[in-house]
């Protein structure tokens, strides 16, 4: 056996030993990371679902508190006699509150002796709270000055689940004296909708503190009444925990179980509910099994290629390789223009030729990798922006809605307020509307709705857009829209938004005033219509042109860099494109190209 062959076989034998060990180590590490990722996703989903339930219960808690604190209601409960007009006004107000909050199964006001006074939805036919033992507990707590909320309650007659809320009604002159109680039954449908819409393939159960099943998805056909809790063996992470259990819902086999305990929200402390998500291990960890098969196949292919490569290299290992080594060093240093000289037709010459081909491909792949990296960065920005928009939308819309309702309530209950109060209430309302527009802008940048395509006149589109824009007197608008211009096929509302963003940007680029020109040209060759918005403003620096349509990029002192991102997304959704040309000091021109609508035969 030749020496070169021995070297090749020895190297192949070493690779056959080391290769599987390295492959096994990589697989074990990847499996651990993937398992952690799967569990973390399940725990995040459970946390999100339980938080939605807490938010729904907290809203009901605050709604019943606000109803009980109503001054007109306090006056009606406190007075032995009440005018018919005041009673009608109170009844109307309670009906409106019951309609705007909830959903409520029943709502009734009782005096401190337990006699029913009035309410939009009576508890039943009798008028004494003692006739409703399930609600009597809440009544007694409320008489002690506590806002009461129960766990899930099942109506013995209709078997309908609900949650009881009870809030004390205080005397107007004595905030510590309870003169009545508002009893309301919150429908379970809100909790059921949250369970049904949870984004998870696992089975979801809502349990009471003893492990009894009080809620499941509507499509779940299992008849389980109790679920075993994880107990001390669970791996905890805050209020969430997970572990492996024997699955009672899927028959034989173990399952991944995730528990999320109710933490409540502010004054609402919760009822000790537990959210259980349970999924068979073979389903939950299916990606790990697939990764194991792929890893085994990859290791086998790599080992086979290694053995072939090392055996081939072993034949020529002792031949002079100085030129080849120099070329490899230069390429490894990043010089992809290096090429090896090819002499003759022997194996080394063929290797040198293949090395040159590989260098060409490497140069091409490097360029492709850089482009893919840019696209990945762009996608990561959009993903980050999407998460930010979702969080901002969820976290801001609720308080903004509460503030908007509070302003509406103040304006409604104080129609005779002085001018300064009304002015400040209007300012608050306008600022809330501005904040809601910012939230809507964030969502529009990452969530483009499917367009409703229609045949749209370009002249009408431009006219309607300009009518919704505030154009300063220092800006002159010139339109060049031929009457023979064909209509376009697009969503009119989305195109108005895109044009409005461009017009607003052009106006902002001309703080001292200037010329705003909008023109449209039809291109019969590719059956498109180009709409251009040109301004005489400061222009755009060349180094900024490539970044204009990237999220979060802006050169303005105010703004978050989403306007042009929305324009680009809307144009792509409508089968169009947006282009920009600019010269510093001479303004900028943005061109929207849309497909022309097909002409109907006469």
Foldseek 3Di string as FASTA:
>chain_A
DDPLLVQLVVQLVVCVVVLVVVLVVVLVVVLVVVVVVLVVVVQVLQVVLLVLVLVLVVQVLVLQQVLLADPLVLVVLPDPDDDPVSVVVNAVVQVVSCVVHFVFPAKFKAWLQQFTDDHPGHPDDDGGCVVPVVCVVQSVVQQQQDWDKADWDADPVPRFIWIKTKHFRAHPVDRRHGTIMMITTGGCVSSQVSQQPRPDPFWKFKAAQVQAGPYTHPPQPDPDGGDDDPPPPWDDDVQKTWDWDQDPRPPGAIKIKMKGWRCHDVPGRDRGMIMITIGGPCVSSVVSVVVVVVSVVVSVVVSVVSSVVSSVCSVCVPPDCVQVVVQVVCVVVPPLVDAGDADDDDPVSVVSVVVNVVSVVVVVVVVVVVVVVVVVVLVVLLVVLQVVLVVCCVVPPVVLVVLLVVLVVVCVVCVPDDPVVVVVSVVSNVVSVVVVVVSVLSCLLNDPDQADWDFADPVVLVVVLVVPDDADPQAAEEEAEDPPDFTFITRSVLSSLLVNLVVVVQRVQCVVYWYWYWYKDADPVQQKIKIKTWTQGQKDDPVCQVVLLGFQDDPDPDDRRRSSSSNQVRLVSQVWGKDKDIDGNGTIMIMIMGHGDDDDDD
